[in-house]
Amino acid sequence: APEGKRGVYGSVVQLGVPIGVVTANTVFLLAGAFTSDAQFA
């Protein structure tokens, strides 16, 4: 990070958490939408 922007640069790593949550939830929603309950299990 350049001087005075360590917080901003560090936050790009923290963004991995909501991105991970969004992606994981999206994939599970799609998996559930395209399968029956029995197929999902």
PDB file of all heavy atoms in Angstrom:
ATOM      1  N   ALA A   1       0.822  -1.214   0.000  1.00  0.00           N
ATOM      2  CA  ALA A   1       0.000   0.000   0.000  1.00  0.00           C
ATOM      3  C   ALA A   1       0.852   1.257   0.000  1.00  0.00           C
ATOM      4  O   ALA A   1       1.890   1.318   0.667  1.00  0.00           O
ATOM      5  CB  ALA A   1      -0.915  -0.001   1.225  1.00  0.00           C
ATOM      6  N   PRO A   2       0.421   2.300  -0.740  1.00  0.00           N
ATOM      7  CA  PRO A   2       1.105   3.597  -0.649  1.00  0.00           C
ATOM      8  C   PRO A   2       0.831   4.251   0.698  1.00  0.00           C
ATOM      9  O   PRO A   2      -0.104   3.878   1.410  1.00  0.00           O
ATOM     10  CB  PRO A   2       0.484   4.395  -1.796  1.00  0.00           C
ATOM     11  CG  PRO A   2      -0.843   3.768  -2.023  1.00  0.00           C
ATOM     12  CD  PRO A   2      -0.676   2.311  -1.701  1.00  0.00           C
ATOM     13  N   GLU A   3       1.622   5.223   1.040  1.00  0.00           N
ATOM     14  CA  GLU A   3       1.492   5.907   2.329  1.00  0.00           C
ATOM     15  C   GLU A   3       0.087   6.495   2.482  1.00  0.00           C
ATOM     16  O   GLU A   3      -0.448   7.119   1.573  1.00  0.00           O
ATOM     17  CB  GLU A   3       2.521   7.045   2.416  1.00  0.00           C
ATOM     18  CG  GLU A   3       2.682   7.618   3.809  1.00  0.00           C
ATOM     19  CD  GLU A   3       3.352   6.629   4.761  1.00  0.00           C
ATOM     20  OE1 GLU A   3       4.260   5.896   4.331  1.00  0.00           O
ATOM     21  OE2 GLU A   3       2.955   6.603   5.933  1.00  0.00           O
ATOM     22  N   GLY A   4      -0.512   6.238   3.649  1.00  0.00           N
ATOM     23  CA  GLY A   4      -1.812   6.805   3.949  1.00  0.00           C
ATOM     24  C   GLY A   4      -2.988   6.028   3.398  1.00  0.00           C
ATOM     25  O   GLY A   4      -4.139   6.452   3.550  1.00  0.00           O
ATOM     26  N   LYS A   5      -2.748   4.868   2.756  1.00  0.00           N
ATOM     27  CA  LYS A   5      -3.846   4.097   2.177  1.00  0.00           C
ATOM     28  C   LYS A   5      -3.809   2.630   2.601  1.00  0.00           C
ATOM     29  O   LYS A   5      -4.365   1.775   1.922  1.00  0.00           O
ATOM     30  CB  LYS A   5      -3.826   4.199   0.649  1.00  0.00           C
ATOM     31  CG  LYS A   5      -4.137   5.598   0.136  1.00  0.00           C
ATOM     32  CD  LYS A   5      -4.290   5.613  -1.369  1.00  0.00           C
ATOM     33  CE  LYS A   5      -4.686   6.995  -1.852  1.00  0.00           C
ATOM     34  NZ  LYS A   5      -4.860   7.026  -3.334  1.00  0.00           N
ATOM     35  N   ARG A   6      -3.158   2.356   3.707  1.00  0.00           N
ATOM     36  CA  ARG A   6      -3.065   0.965   4.156  1.00  0.00           C
ATOM     37  C   ARG A   6      -4.434   0.401   4.506  1.00  0.00           C
ATOM     38  O   ARG A   6      -4.710  -0.769   4.263  1.00  0.00           O
ATOM     39  CB  ARG A   6      -2.120   0.883   5.360  1.00  0.00           C
ATOM     40  CG  ARG A   6      -1.976  -0.511   5.925  1.00  0.00           C
ATOM     41  CD  ARG A   6      -0.875  -0.581   6.960  1.00  0.00           C
ATOM     42  NE  ARG A   6       0.372  -1.011   6.357  1.00  0.00           N
ATOM     43  CZ  ARG A   6       1.550  -0.947   6.960  1.00  0.00           C
ATOM     44  NH1 ARG A   6       1.637  -0.416   8.171  1.00  0.00           N
ATOM     45  NH2 ARG A   6       2.635  -1.363   6.371  1.00  0.00           N
ATOM     46  N   GLY A   7      -5.303   1.214   5.065  1.00  0.00           N
ATOM     47  CA  GLY A   7      -6.644   0.738   5.395  1.00  0.00           C
ATOM     48  C   GLY A   7      -7.407   0.324   4.158  1.00  0.00           C
ATOM     49  O   GLY A   7      -8.030  -0.741   4.122  1.00  0.00           O
ATOM     50  N   VAL A   8      -7.378   1.162   3.124  1.00  0.00           N
ATOM     51  CA  VAL A   8      -8.094   0.857   1.883  1.00  0.00           C
ATOM     52  C   VAL A   8      -7.539  -0.401   1.236  1.00  0.00           C
ATOM     53  O   VAL A   8      -8.288  -1.276   0.789  1.00  0.00           O
ATOM     54  CB  VAL A   8      -8.018   2.047   0.907  1.00  0.00           C
ATOM     55  CG1 VAL A   8      -8.561   1.652  -0.456  1.00  0.00           C
ATOM     56  CG2 VAL A   8      -8.794   3.238   1.455  1.00  0.00           C
ATOM     57  N   TYR A   9      -6.206  -0.499   1.157  1.00  0.00           N
ATOM     58  CA  TYR A   9      -5.604  -1.678   0.533  1.00  0.00           C
ATOM     59  C   TYR A   9      -5.892  -2.943   1.349  1.00  0.00           C
ATOM     60  O   TYR A   9      -6.126  -4.014   0.786  1.00  0.00           O
ATOM     61  CB  TYR A   9      -4.095  -1.471   0.365  1.00  0.00           C
ATOM     62  CG  TYR A   9      -3.732  -0.827  -0.953  1.00  0.00           C
ATOM     63  CD1 TYR A   9      -4.083   0.490  -1.222  1.00  0.00           C
ATOM     64  CD2 TYR A   9      -3.057  -1.529  -1.937  1.00  0.00           C
ATOM     65  CE1 TYR A   9      -3.771   1.092  -2.427  1.00  0.00           C
ATOM     66  CE2 TYR A   9      -2.734  -0.938  -3.153  1.00  0.00           C
ATOM     67  CZ  TYR A   9      -3.089   0.374  -3.396  1.00  0.00           C
ATOM     68  OH  TYR A   9      -2.790   0.959  -4.605  1.00  0.00           O
ATOM     69  N   GLY A  10      -5.869  -2.827   2.664  1.00  0.00           N
ATOM     70  CA  GLY A  10      -6.199  -3.983   3.492  1.00  0.00           C
ATOM     71  C   GLY A  10      -7.640  -4.417   3.315  1.00  0.00           C
ATOM     72  O   GLY A  10      -7.968  -5.602   3.408  1.00  0.00           O
ATOM     73  N   SER A  11      -8.524  -3.466   3.009  1.00  0.00           N
ATOM     74  CA  SER A  11      -9.943  -3.797   2.887  1.00  0.00           C
ATOM     75  C   SER A  11     -10.243  -4.660   1.667  1.00  0.00           C
ATOM     76  O   SER A  11     -11.269  -5.336   1.635  1.00  0.00           O
ATOM     77  CB  SER A  11     -10.790  -2.516   2.824  1.00  0.00           C
ATOM     78  OG  SER A  11     -10.645  -1.844   1.584  1.00  0.00           O
ATOM     79  N   VAL A  12      -9.350  -4.642   0.647  1.00  0.00           N
ATOM     80  CA  VAL A  12      -9.629  -5.488  -0.523  1.00  0.00           C
ATOM     81  C   VAL A  12      -9.578  -6.962  -0.132  1.00  0.00           C
ATOM     82  O   VAL A  12     -10.287  -7.793  -0.714  1.00  0.00           O
ATOM     83  CB  VAL A  12      -8.657  -5.203  -1.696  1.00  0.00           C
ATOM     84  CG1 VAL A  12      -8.711  -3.752  -2.112  1.00  0.00           C
ATOM     85  CG2 VAL A  12      -7.233  -5.630  -1.377  1.00  0.00           C
ATOM     86  N   VAL A  13      -8.744  -7.291   0.860  1.00  0.00           N
ATOM     87  CA  VAL A  13      -8.704  -8.667   1.356  1.00  0.00           C
ATOM     88  C   VAL A  13      -9.959  -8.956   2.172  1.00  0.00           C
ATOM     89  O   VAL A  13     -10.551 -10.038   2.072  1.00  0.00           O
ATOM     90  CB  VAL A  13      -7.434  -8.899   2.194  1.00  0.00           C
ATOM     91  CG1 VAL A  13      -7.447 -10.282   2.829  1.00  0.00           C
ATOM     92  CG2 VAL A  13      -6.196  -8.737   1.323  1.00  0.00           C
ATOM     93  N   GLN A  14     -10.390  -7.982   2.967  1.00  0.00           N
ATOM     94  CA  GLN A  14     -11.607  -8.162   3.756  1.00  0.00           C
ATOM     95  C   GLN A  14     -12.831  -8.356   2.869  1.00  0.00           C
ATOM     96  O   GLN A  14     -13.799  -9.017   3.262  1.00  0.00           O
ATOM     97  CB  GLN A  14     -11.820  -6.957   4.678  1.00  0.00           C
ATOM     98  CG  GLN A  14     -10.605  -6.565   5.529  1.00  0.00           C
ATOM     99  CD  GLN A  14     -10.197  -7.634   6.511  1.00  0.00           C
ATOM    100  OE1 GLN A  14      -9.684  -8.672   6.130  1.00  0.00           O
ATOM    101  NE2 GLN A  14     -10.433  -7.386   7.781  1.00  0.00           N
ATOM    102  N   LEU A  15     -12.796  -7.778   1.662  1.00  0.00           N
ATOM    103  CA  LEU A  15     -13.912  -7.952   0.736  1.00  0.00           C
ATOM    104  C   LEU A  15     -14.094  -9.404   0.317  1.00  0.00           C
ATOM    105  O   LEU A  15     -15.167  -9.789  -0.168  1.00  0.00           O
ATOM    106  CB  LEU A  15     -13.715  -7.079  -0.509  1.00  0.00           C
ATOM    107  CG  LEU A  15     -13.914  -5.579  -0.330  1.00  0.00           C
ATOM    108  CD1 LEU A  15     -13.575  -4.846  -1.623  1.00  0.00           C
ATOM    109  CD2 LEU A  15     -15.332  -5.258   0.100  1.00  0.00           C
ATOM    110  N   GLY A  16     -13.039 -10.204   0.497  1.00  0.00           N
ATOM    111  CA  GLY A  16     -13.146 -11.618   0.169  1.00  0.00           C
ATOM    112  C   GLY A  16     -14.244 -12.309   0.947  1.00  0.00           C
ATOM    113  O   GLY A  16     -14.860 -13.270   0.444  1.00  0.00           O
ATOM    114  N   VAL A  17     -14.531 -11.831   2.149  1.00  0.00           N
ATOM    115  CA  VAL A  17     -15.579 -12.461   2.972  1.00  0.00           C
ATOM    116  C   VAL A  17     -16.968 -12.269   2.350  1.00  0.00           C
ATOM    117  O   VAL A  17     -17.665 -13.247   2.077  1.00  0.00           O
ATOM    118  CB  VAL A  17     -15.518 -11.950   4.418  1.00  0.00           C
ATOM    119  CG1 VAL A  17     -16.737 -12.415   5.191  1.00  0.00           C
ATOM    120  CG2 VAL A  17     -14.245 -12.446   5.092  1.00  0.00           C
ATOM    121  N   PRO A  18     -17.429 -11.014   2.119  1.00  0.00           N
ATOM    122  CA  PRO A  18     -18.747 -10.892   1.490  1.00  0.00           C
ATOM    123  C   PRO A  18     -18.805 -11.475   0.082  1.00  0.00           C
ATOM    124  O   PRO A  18     -19.839 -12.023  -0.314  1.00  0.00           O
ATOM    125  CB  PRO A  18     -19.000  -9.380   1.469  1.00  0.00           C
ATOM    126  CG  PRO A  18     -17.675  -8.742   1.641  1.00  0.00           C
ATOM    127  CD  PRO A  18     -16.880  -9.688   2.483  1.00  0.00           C
ATOM    128  N   ILE A  19     -17.699 -11.378  -0.670  1.00  0.00           N
ATOM    129  CA  ILE A  19     -17.692 -11.990  -2.004  1.00  0.00           C
ATOM    130  C   ILE A  19     -17.848 -13.498  -1.880  1.00  0.00           C
ATOM    131  O   ILE A  19     -18.602 -14.133  -2.634  1.00  0.00           O
ATOM    132  CB  ILE A  19     -16.392 -11.637  -2.761  1.00  0.00           C
ATOM    133  CG1 ILE A  19     -16.372 -10.154  -3.107  1.00  0.00           C
ATOM    134  CG2 ILE A  19     -16.266 -12.471  -4.038  1.00  0.00           C
ATOM    135  CD1 ILE A  19     -15.055  -9.673  -3.688  1.00  0.00           C
ATOM    136  N   GLY A  20     -17.147 -14.082  -0.911  1.00  0.00           N
ATOM    137  CA  GLY A  20     -17.268 -15.518  -0.681  1.00  0.00           C
ATOM    138  C   GLY A  20     -18.675 -15.912  -0.271  1.00  0.00           C
ATOM    139  O   GLY A  20     -19.214 -16.928  -0.737  1.00  0.00           O
ATOM    140  N   VAL A  21     -19.283 -15.112   0.604  1.00  0.00           N
ATOM    141  CA  VAL A  21     -20.649 -15.396   1.047  1.00  0.00           C
ATOM    142  C   VAL A  21     -21.631 -15.283  -0.117  1.00  0.00           C
ATOM    143  O   VAL A  21     -22.488 -16.156  -0.324  1.00  0.00           O
ATOM    144  CB  VAL A  21     -21.064 -14.436   2.178  1.00  0.00           C
ATOM    145  CG1 VAL A  21     -22.547 -14.604   2.509  1.00  0.00           C
ATOM    146  CG2 VAL A  21     -20.228 -14.691   3.426  1.00  0.00           C
ATOM    147  N   VAL A  22     -21.515 -14.202  -0.885  1.00  0.00           N
ATOM    148  CA  VAL A  22     -22.418 -13.993  -2.019  1.00  0.00           C
ATOM    149  C   VAL A  22     -22.285 -15.136  -3.016  1.00  0.00           C
ATOM    150  O   VAL A  22     -23.291 -15.700  -3.489  1.00  0.00           O
ATOM    151  CB  VAL A  22     -22.115 -12.644  -2.709  1.00  0.00           C
ATOM    152  CG1 VAL A  22     -22.830 -12.554  -4.051  1.00  0.00           C
ATOM    153  CG2 VAL A  22     -22.547 -11.489  -1.820  1.00  0.00           C
ATOM    154  N   THR A  23     -21.052 -15.491  -3.339  1.00  0.00           N
ATOM    155  CA  THR A  23     -20.830 -16.552  -4.318  1.00  0.00           C
ATOM    156  C   THR A  23     -21.341 -17.896  -3.807  1.00  0.00           C
ATOM    157  O   THR A  23     -22.008 -18.646  -4.537  1.00  0.00           O
ATOM    158  CB  THR A  23     -19.337 -16.662  -4.668  1.00  0.00           C
ATOM    159  OG1 THR A  23     -18.832 -15.370  -4.997  1.00  0.00           O
ATOM    160  CG2 THR A  23     -19.122 -17.583  -5.853  1.00  0.00           C
ATOM    161  N   ALA A  24     -21.040 -18.211  -2.545  1.00  0.00           N
ATOM    162  CA  ALA A  24     -21.486 -19.488  -1.979  1.00  0.00           C
ATOM    163  C   ALA A  24     -23.006 -19.568  -1.934  1.00  0.00           C
ATOM    164  O   ALA A  24     -23.603 -20.592  -2.304  1.00  0.00           O
ATOM    165  CB  ALA A  24     -20.899 -19.664  -0.579  1.00  0.00           C
ATOM    166  N   ASN A  25     -23.658 -18.496  -1.498  1.00  0.00           N
ATOM    167  CA  ASN A  25     -25.116 -18.488  -1.452  1.00  0.00           C
ATOM    168  C   ASN A  25     -25.727 -18.584  -2.846  1.00  0.00           C
ATOM    169  O   ASN A  25     -26.726 -19.281  -3.056  1.00  0.00           O
ATOM    170  CB  ASN A  25     -25.618 -17.222  -0.744  1.00  0.00           C
ATOM    171  CG  ASN A  25     -25.614 -17.338   0.761  1.00  0.00           C
ATOM    172  OD1 ASN A  25     -26.478 -17.953   1.352  1.00  0.00           O
ATOM    173  ND2 ASN A  25     -24.611 -16.753   1.387  1.00  0.00           N
ATOM    174  N   THR A  26     -25.120 -17.868  -3.805  1.00  0.00           N
ATOM    175  CA  THR A  26     -25.628 -17.893  -5.170  1.00  0.00           C
ATOM    176  C   THR A  26     -25.548 -19.298  -5.756  1.00  0.00           C
ATOM    177  O   THR A  26     -26.510 -19.794  -6.370  1.00  0.00           O
ATOM    178  CB  THR A  26     -24.839 -16.921  -6.059  1.00  0.00           C
ATOM    179  OG1 THR A  26     -24.987 -15.590  -5.555  1.00  0.00           O
ATOM    180  CG2 THR A  26     -25.341 -16.959  -7.496  1.00  0.00           C
ATOM    181  N   VAL A  27     -24.407 -19.949  -5.556  1.00  0.00           N
ATOM    182  CA  VAL A  27     -24.233 -21.292  -6.107  1.00  0.00           C
ATOM    183  C   VAL A  27     -25.205 -22.272  -5.453  1.00  0.00           C
ATOM    184  O   VAL A  27     -25.797 -23.127  -6.126  1.00  0.00           O
ATOM    185  CB  VAL A  27     -22.776 -21.759  -5.950  1.00  0.00           C
ATOM    186  CG1 VAL A  27     -22.621 -23.212  -6.382  1.00  0.00           C
ATOM    187  CG2 VAL A  27     -21.848 -20.877  -6.775  1.00  0.00           C
ATOM    188  N   PHE A  28     -25.414 -22.150  -4.145  1.00  0.00           N
ATOM    189  CA  PHE A  28     -26.374 -23.027  -3.474  1.00  0.00           C
ATOM    190  C   PHE A  28     -27.804 -22.751  -3.938  1.00  0.00           C
ATOM    191  O   PHE A  28     -28.607 -23.680  -4.107  1.00  0.00           O
ATOM    192  CB  PHE A  28     -26.276 -22.879  -1.951  1.00  0.00           C
ATOM    193  CG  PHE A  28     -25.395 -23.907  -1.311  1.00  0.00           C
ATOM    194  CD1 PHE A  28     -24.111 -23.594  -0.925  1.00  0.00           C
ATOM    195  CD2 PHE A  28     -25.844 -25.205  -1.102  1.00  0.00           C
ATOM    196  CE1 PHE A  28     -23.285 -24.543  -0.337  1.00  0.00           C
ATOM    197  CE2 PHE A  28     -25.034 -26.157  -0.522  1.00  0.00           C
ATOM    198  CZ  PHE A  28     -23.745 -25.832  -0.136  1.00  0.00           C
ATOM    199  N   LEU A  29     -28.123 -21.465  -4.141  1.00  0.00           N
ATOM    200  CA  LEU A  29     -29.456 -21.140  -4.646  1.00  0.00           C
ATOM    201  C   LEU A  29     -29.678 -21.734  -6.031  1.00  0.00           C
ATOM    202  O   LEU A  29     -30.748 -22.287  -6.328  1.00  0.00           O
ATOM    203  CB  LEU A  29     -29.637 -19.618  -4.698  1.00  0.00           C
ATOM    204  CG  LEU A  29     -29.956 -18.926  -3.370  1.00  0.00           C
ATOM    205  CD1 LEU A  29     -29.844 -17.414  -3.524  1.00  0.00           C
ATOM    206  CD2 LEU A  29     -31.359 -19.301  -2.894  1.00  0.00           C
ATOM    207  N   LEU A  30     -28.677 -21.628  -6.905  1.00  0.00           N
ATOM    208  CA  LEU A  30     -28.784 -22.194  -8.245  1.00  0.00           C
ATOM    209  C   LEU A  30     -28.886 -23.714  -8.199  1.00  0.00           C
ATOM    210  O   LEU A  30     -29.676 -24.329  -8.928  1.00  0.00           O
ATOM    211  CB  LEU A  30     -27.589 -21.766  -9.090  1.00  0.00           C
ATOM    212  CG  LEU A  30     -27.532 -20.280  -9.470  1.00  0.00           C
ATOM    213  CD1 LEU A  30     -26.219 -19.959 -10.169  1.00  0.00           C
ATOM    214  CD2 LEU A  30     -28.719 -19.914 -10.357  1.00  0.00           C
ATOM    215  N   ALA A  31     -28.078 -24.327  -7.324  1.00  0.00           N
ATOM    216  CA  ALA A  31     -28.132 -25.785  -7.195  1.00  0.00           C
ATOM    217  C   ALA A  31     -29.511 -26.236  -6.729  1.00  0.00           C
ATOM    218  O   ALA A  31     -30.052 -27.235  -7.214  1.00  0.00           O
ATOM    219  CB  ALA A  31     -27.059 -26.261  -6.223  1.00  0.00           C
ATOM    220  N   GLY A  32     -30.100 -25.473  -5.790  1.00  0.00           N
ATOM    221  CA  GLY A  32     -31.439 -25.810  -5.315  1.00  0.00           C
ATOM    222  C   GLY A  32     -32.514 -25.554  -6.353  1.00  0.00           C
ATOM    223  O   GLY A  32     -33.497 -26.294  -6.448  1.00  0.00           O
ATOM    224  N   ALA A  33     -32.317 -24.487  -7.162  1.00  0.00           N
ATOM    225  CA  ALA A  33     -33.322 -24.130  -8.168  1.00  0.00           C
ATOM    226  C   ALA A  33     -33.382 -25.146  -9.298  1.00  0.00           C
ATOM    227  O   ALA A  33     -34.452 -25.369  -9.888  1.00  0.00           O
ATOM    228  CB  ALA A  33     -33.027 -22.740  -8.725  1.00  0.00           C
ATOM    229  N   PHE A  34     -32.262 -25.746  -9.644  1.00  0.00           N
ATOM    230  CA  PHE A  34     -32.201 -26.654 -10.792  1.00  0.00           C
ATOM    231  C   PHE A  34     -32.270 -28.135 -10.397  1.00  0.00           C
ATOM    232  O   PHE A  34     -32.068 -29.008 -11.231  1.00  0.00           O
ATOM    233  CB  PHE A  34     -30.934 -26.391 -11.601  1.00  0.00           C
ATOM    234  CG  PHE A  34     -30.983 -25.119 -12.384  1.00  0.00           C
ATOM    235  CD1 PHE A  34     -30.374 -23.970 -11.900  1.00  0.00           C
ATOM    236  CD2 PHE A  34     -31.667 -25.052 -13.586  1.00  0.00           C
ATOM    237  CE1 PHE A  34     -30.423 -22.775 -12.621  1.00  0.00           C
ATOM    238  CE2 PHE A  34     -31.725 -23.869 -14.314  1.00  0.00           C
ATOM    239  CZ  PHE A  34     -31.108 -22.717 -13.827  1.00  0.00           C
ATOM    240  N   THR A  35     -32.535 -28.390  -9.120  1.00  0.00           N
ATOM    241  CA  THR A  35     -32.681 -29.785  -8.675  1.00  0.00           C
ATOM    242  C   THR A  35     -33.902 -29.898  -7.777  1.00  0.00           C
ATOM    243  O   THR A  35     -34.322 -28.921  -7.138  1.00  0.00           O
ATOM    244  CB  THR A  35     -31.441 -30.259  -7.887  1.00  0.00           C
ATOM    245  OG1 THR A  35     -31.273 -29.432  -6.720  1.00  0.00           O
ATOM    246  CG2 THR A  35     -30.181 -30.210  -8.735  1.00  0.00           C
ATOM    247  N   SER A  36     -34.455 -31.085  -7.714  1.00  0.00           N
ATOM    248  CA  SER A  36     -35.515 -31.355  -6.741  1.00  0.00           C
ATOM    249  C   SER A  36     -34.882 -31.537  -5.367  1.00  0.00           C
ATOM    250  O   SER A  36     -33.653 -31.626  -5.247  1.00  0.00           O
ATOM    251  CB  SER A  36     -36.266 -32.632  -7.132  1.00  0.00           C
ATOM    252  OG  SER A  36     -35.397 -33.752  -7.050  1.00  0.00           O
ATOM    253  N   ASP A  37     -35.707 -31.612  -4.328  1.00  0.00           N
ATOM    254  CA  ASP A  37     -35.161 -31.818  -2.982  1.00  0.00           C
ATOM    255  C   ASP A  37     -34.359 -33.115  -2.914  1.00  0.00           C
ATOM    256  O   ASP A  37     -33.301 -33.171  -2.282  1.00  0.00           O
ATOM    257  CB  ASP A  37     -36.297 -31.848  -1.953  1.00  0.00           C
ATOM    258  CG  ASP A  37     -36.915 -30.476  -1.730  1.00  0.00           C
ATOM    259  OD1 ASP A  37     -36.300 -29.473  -2.149  1.00  0.00           O
ATOM    260  OD2 ASP A  37     -38.020 -30.418  -1.154  1.00  0.00           O
ATOM    261  N   ALA A  38     -34.868 -34.150  -3.564  1.00  0.00           N
ATOM    262  CA  ALA A  38     -34.164 -35.435  -3.546  1.00  0.00           C
ATOM    263  C   ALA A  38     -32.845 -35.358  -4.305  1.00  0.00           C
ATOM    264  O   ALA A  38     -31.828 -35.899  -3.863  1.00  0.00           O
ATOM    265  CB  ALA A  38     -35.055 -36.525  -4.152  1.00  0.00           C
ATOM    266  N   GLN A  39     -32.853 -34.688  -5.452  1.00  0.00           N
ATOM    267  CA  GLN A  39     -31.618 -34.527  -6.230  1.00  0.00           C
ATOM    268  C   GLN A  39     -30.603 -33.661  -5.489  1.00  0.00           C
ATOM    269  O   GLN A  39     -29.404 -33.940  -5.522  1.00  0.00           O
ATOM    270  CB  GLN A  39     -31.936 -33.910  -7.588  1.00  0.00           C
ATOM    271  CG  GLN A  39     -32.678 -34.840  -8.537  1.00  0.00           C
ATOM    272  CD  GLN A  39     -33.157 -34.109  -9.774  1.00  0.00           C
ATOM    273  OE1 GLN A  39     -33.465 -32.913  -9.750  1.00  0.00           O
ATOM    274  NE2 GLN A  39     -33.232 -34.841 -10.893  1.00  0.00           N
ATOM    275  N   PHE A  40     -31.091 -32.619  -4.822  1.00  0.00           N
ATOM    276  CA  PHE A  40     -30.182 -31.750  -4.069  1.00  0.00           C
ATOM    277  C   PHE A  40     -29.494 -32.540  -2.965  1.00  0.00           C
ATOM    278  O   PHE A  40     -28.282 -32.417  -2.751  1.00  0.00           O
ATOM    279  CB  PHE A  40     -30.947 -30.575  -3.462  1.00  0.00           C
ATOM    280  CG  PHE A  40     -30.076 -29.603  -2.720  1.00  0.00           C
ATOM    281  CD1 PHE A  40     -29.370 -28.621  -3.395  1.00  0.00           C
ATOM    282  CD2 PHE A  40     -29.956 -29.663  -1.328  1.00  0.00           C
ATOM    283  CE1 PHE A  40     -28.550 -27.721  -2.714  1.00  0.00           C
ATOM    284  CE2 PHE A  40     -29.149 -28.771  -0.636  1.00  0.00           C
ATOM    285  CZ  PHE A  40     -28.448 -27.800  -1.337  1.00  0.00           C
ATOM    286  N   ALA A  41     -30.263 -33.373  -2.245  1.00  0.00           N
ATOM    287  CA  ALA A  41     -29.688 -34.182  -1.168  1.00  0.00           C
ATOM    288  C   ALA A  41     -28.751 -35.247  -1.713  1.00  0.00           C
ATOM    289  O   ALA A  41     -27.765 -35.607  -1.057  1.00  0.00           O
ATOM    290  CB  ALA A  41     -30.802 -34.831  -0.349  1.00  0.00           C
TER     291      ALA A  41
END
